[in-house]
Amino acid sequence: MRLTVEMLEACYRAGAFPMADGYGRIEFYRSDPRSILEFRDLRVAKSLGRVIRKGTYEVRVDEDFEGVIRACAQREETWINAEIIAAYTRLHRAGKAHSVEAYREGELVGGLYGVSLGGAFMGESMFTRARDASKVCFVYLVRRLEERGYELLDCQIQNDHLASLGAKEIPAREYDRRLERALRLDRSFL
């Protein structure tokens, strides 16, 4: 299946997200419950706060989107295949997918990417090659979204890492209501 920009946008507007299975087939999912992060609930551990204050990493936006998504795919089990990489890169070029990146001495050492529509940001994946690098990007993302008036940060499927940062689960019906409201907003990630 060739994922188009229009197909991906429609998917997210409907509250779904694509994932490739172990055979390369792309399926669309809607998780219930849905993981989200309320900006006010962001948890920044003291040690992470020190890393951020020290400026251990230089944070950039959309500098190397394709590098971020490729790094996110480099794990033993992944839902990111070549078609997903190509499709999200096209979505990025259309201005609807963005990355937040952490650099140390000019080297990409952590990052995340997701989709921005209206006042909603749907986080897709993150990676780290250095301690706390992806967490620094996540904190930067949350602050950026809050500053720009976004209302929804969709984390999709809850895990321990997201929970440690303050994400929580809500019923799919509530997520759909919040998504509908957020999509009506006119916000800019850049």
Protein backbone atom coordinates (compact mmCIF):
# COMPACT_ATOMS: atom_id res chain seq x y z
CA MET A 1 0.00 0.00 0.00
CA ARG A 2 1.34 3.43 -0.89
CA LEU A 3 0.46 5.87 1.85
CA THR A 4 -0.30 9.31 0.47
CA VAL A 5 -0.19 12.62 2.32
CA GLU A 6 -3.98 12.85 1.95
CA MET A 7 -4.48 9.32 3.30
CA LEU A 8 -2.29 10.00 6.33
CA GLU A 9 -4.01 13.28 7.11
CA ALA A 10 -7.45 11.67 6.84
CA CYS A 11 -6.28 8.83 9.07
CA TYR A 12 -5.17 11.20 11.84
CA ARG A 13 -8.26 13.37 11.52
CA ALA A 14 -10.29 10.18 12.11
CA GLY A 15 -8.28 9.35 15.24
CA ALA A 16 -6.33 6.47 13.69
CA PHE A 17 -2.64 5.88 13.02
CA PRO A 18 -0.77 3.46 10.72
CA MET A 19 1.69 0.78 11.73
CA ALA A 20 3.50 -1.82 9.67
CA ASP A 21 3.40 -5.41 10.88
CA GLY A 22 6.30 -7.86 10.78
CA TYR A 23 5.47 -8.71 7.16
CA GLY A 24 5.51 -5.10 5.95
CA ARG A 25 1.73 -4.79 5.73
CA ILE A 26 0.38 -1.45 6.90
CA GLU A 27 -2.69 -1.48 9.12
CA PHE A 28 -4.58 1.41 10.71
CA TYR A 29 -5.22 1.40 14.45
CA ARG A 30 -7.35 3.24 16.99
CA SER A 31 -6.31 2.51 20.55
CA ASP A 32 -8.86 2.43 23.35
CA PRO A 33 -7.91 3.69 25.84
CA ARG A 34 -5.78 6.40 24.23
CA SER A 35 -2.63 7.82 25.78
CA ILE A 36 -2.37 11.61 25.96
CA LEU A 37 -0.31 14.10 27.90
CA GLU A 38 -1.96 17.11 29.51
CA PHE A 39 0.70 19.84 29.38
CA ARG A 40 0.24 20.67 33.06
CA ASP A 41 0.93 17.03 33.97
CA LEU A 42 4.41 16.91 32.41
CA ARG A 43 6.83 15.39 34.92
CA VAL A 44 10.44 16.50 34.70
CA ALA A 45 12.70 14.58 37.07
CA LYS A 46 15.30 16.66 38.93
CA SER A 47 18.12 14.97 37.03
CA LEU A 48 16.43 15.72 33.69
CA GLY A 49 15.88 19.33 34.77
CA ARG A 50 19.62 19.63 35.43
CA VAL A 51 20.42 18.22 31.97
CA ILE A 52 18.07 20.77 30.39
CA ARG A 53 19.44 23.71 32.44
CA LYS A 54 23.06 22.75 31.66
CA GLY A 55 22.29 22.72 27.94
CA THR A 56 23.79 19.26 27.55
CA TYR A 57 22.03 18.94 24.20
CA GLU A 58 21.34 21.46 21.49
CA VAL A 59 17.67 21.12 20.51
CA ARG A 60 16.63 21.79 16.92
CA VAL A 61 13.37 21.44 15.01
CA ASP A 62 13.01 19.87 11.55
CA GLU A 63 16.75 19.90 10.90
CA ASP A 64 16.94 16.19 9.98
CA PHE A 65 13.41 14.76 9.92
CA GLU A 66 14.36 11.74 7.84
CA GLY A 67 17.34 11.03 10.10
CA VAL A 68 15.01 11.00 13.12
CA ILE A 69 12.45 8.63 11.59
CA ARG A 70 15.21 6.30 10.36
CA ALA A 71 16.76 6.27 13.83
CA CYS A 72 13.34 5.50 15.34
CA ALA A 73 13.08 2.50 12.99
CA GLN A 74 16.43 1.05 14.11
CA ARG A 75 15.19 -1.29 16.81
CA GLU A 76 14.59 -4.99 16.98
CA GLU A 77 10.80 -4.70 16.82
CA THR A 78 9.47 -1.78 14.81
CA TRP A 79 6.31 -0.68 13.07
CA ILE A 80 8.31 1.71 10.88
CA ASN A 81 9.13 0.24 7.47
CA ALA A 82 10.40 1.82 4.23
CA GLU A 83 6.88 2.86 3.14
CA ILE A 84 6.19 4.52 6.50
CA ILE A 85 9.53 6.39 6.25
CA ALA A 86 8.76 7.56 2.70
CA ALA A 87 5.17 8.55 3.54
CA TYR A 88 6.05 10.56 6.65
CA THR A 89 8.90 12.24 4.81
CA ARG A 90 6.36 13.37 2.20
CA LEU A 91 4.05 14.51 5.02
CA HIS A 92 6.97 16.45 6.50
CA ARG A 93 7.65 18.15 3.16
CA ALA A 94 3.94 19.10 3.11
CA GLY A 95 4.47 20.86 6.47
CA LYS A 96 2.34 18.43 8.52
CA ALA A 97 4.97 16.24 10.19
CA HIS A 98 7.78 17.58 12.37
CA SER A 99 10.77 16.43 14.34
CA VAL A 100 12.44 17.66 17.50
CA GLU A 101 16.09 16.70 17.67
CA ALA A 102 18.86 16.62 20.26
CA TYR A 103 22.45 17.17 19.15
CA ARG A 104 25.71 16.79 21.05
CA GLU A 105 28.84 18.13 19.37
CA GLY A 106 26.93 18.32 16.09
CA GLU A 107 25.81 14.68 16.19
CA LEU A 108 22.14 13.66 16.26
CA VAL A 109 21.77 11.70 19.51
CA GLY A 110 18.03 11.74 20.17
CA GLY A 111 14.74 12.88 18.79
CA LEU A 112 11.08 12.38 18.15
CA TYR A 113 8.62 13.00 15.35
CA GLY A 114 4.90 13.36 14.93
CA VAL A 115 2.04 14.89 12.98
CA SER A 116 0.66 18.39 13.53
CA LEU A 117 -2.92 19.18 12.48
CA GLY A 118 -4.79 22.19 13.84
CA GLY A 119 -4.15 22.31 17.58
CA ALA A 120 -3.30 18.61 17.85
CA PHE A 121 0.10 16.94 17.76
CA MET A 122 0.14 13.18 17.34
CA GLY A 123 3.44 11.81 18.59
CA GLU A 124 4.71 8.86 16.60
CA SER A 125 8.05 7.68 17.91
CA MET A 126 11.24 8.71 19.68
CA PHE A 127 14.79 7.41 19.92
CA THR A 128 17.86 8.04 22.01
CA ARG A 129 21.54 7.33 21.59
CA ALA A 130 22.58 9.34 24.66
CA ARG A 131 21.17 9.50 28.16
CA ASP A 132 18.01 11.64 28.44
CA ALA A 133 18.30 12.97 24.86
CA SER A 134 14.79 11.88 23.82
CA LYS A 135 13.35 13.11 27.13
CA VAL A 136 14.89 16.54 26.53
CA CYS A 137 13.16 16.57 23.12
CA PHE A 138 9.86 15.55 24.70
CA VAL A 139 10.02 18.36 27.27
CA TYR A 140 10.89 20.81 24.49
CA LEU A 141 7.94 19.52 22.43
CA VAL A 142 5.48 19.95 25.29
CA ARG A 143 6.66 23.49 26.01
CA ARG A 144 6.52 24.40 22.31
CA LEU A 145 2.98 23.07 21.94
CA GLU A 146 1.82 24.87 25.05
CA GLU A 147 3.40 28.17 23.93
CA ARG A 148 1.71 27.90 20.53
CA GLY A 149 -1.74 27.21 21.92
CA TYR A 150 -2.08 23.53 21.06
CA GLU A 151 -4.70 21.61 23.03
CA LEU A 152 -3.88 17.96 22.42
CA LEU A 153 -0.71 15.87 22.61
CA ASP A 154 -1.62 12.36 21.49
CA CYS A 155 0.81 9.69 22.70
CA GLN A 156 -1.31 6.89 21.16
CA ILE A 157 -0.44 3.79 23.23
CA GLN A 158 0.56 4.10 26.89
CA ASN A 159 3.83 2.61 28.10
CA ASP A 160 5.94 2.96 31.24
CA HIS A 161 8.22 5.56 29.65
CA LEU A 162 5.29 7.82 28.70
CA ALA A 163 3.66 7.31 32.09
CA SER A 164 6.90 8.40 33.80
CA LEU A 165 6.67 11.68 31.86
CA GLY A 166 3.07 12.24 32.96
CA ALA A 167 1.01 10.71 30.14
CA LYS A 168 -2.33 9.16 31.06
CA GLU A 169 -5.00 7.10 29.36
CA ILE A 170 -8.45 8.35 28.43
CA PRO A 171 -11.36 6.54 26.77
CA ALA A 172 -11.41 6.67 22.96
CA ARG A 173 -14.72 8.59 23.02
CA GLU A 174 -13.15 11.36 25.08
CA TYR A 175 -10.11 11.37 22.80
CA ASP A 176 -12.37 11.76 19.76
CA ARG A 177 -14.10 14.77 21.36
CA ARG A 178 -10.78 16.40 22.22
CA LEU A 179 -9.39 15.69 18.76
CA GLU A 180 -12.42 17.20 17.05
CA ARG A 181 -12.09 20.39 19.12
CA ALA A 182 -8.30 20.61 18.58
CA LEU A 183 -8.59 20.13 14.82
CA ARG A 184 -10.76 23.25 14.58
CA LEU A 185 -7.90 25.42 15.88
CA ASP A 186 -5.50 27.26 13.62
CA ARG A 187 -2.03 26.64 15.09
CA SER A 188 1.47 26.55 13.64
CA PHE A 189 4.21 24.23 14.85
CA LEU A 190 6.97 26.32 13.28
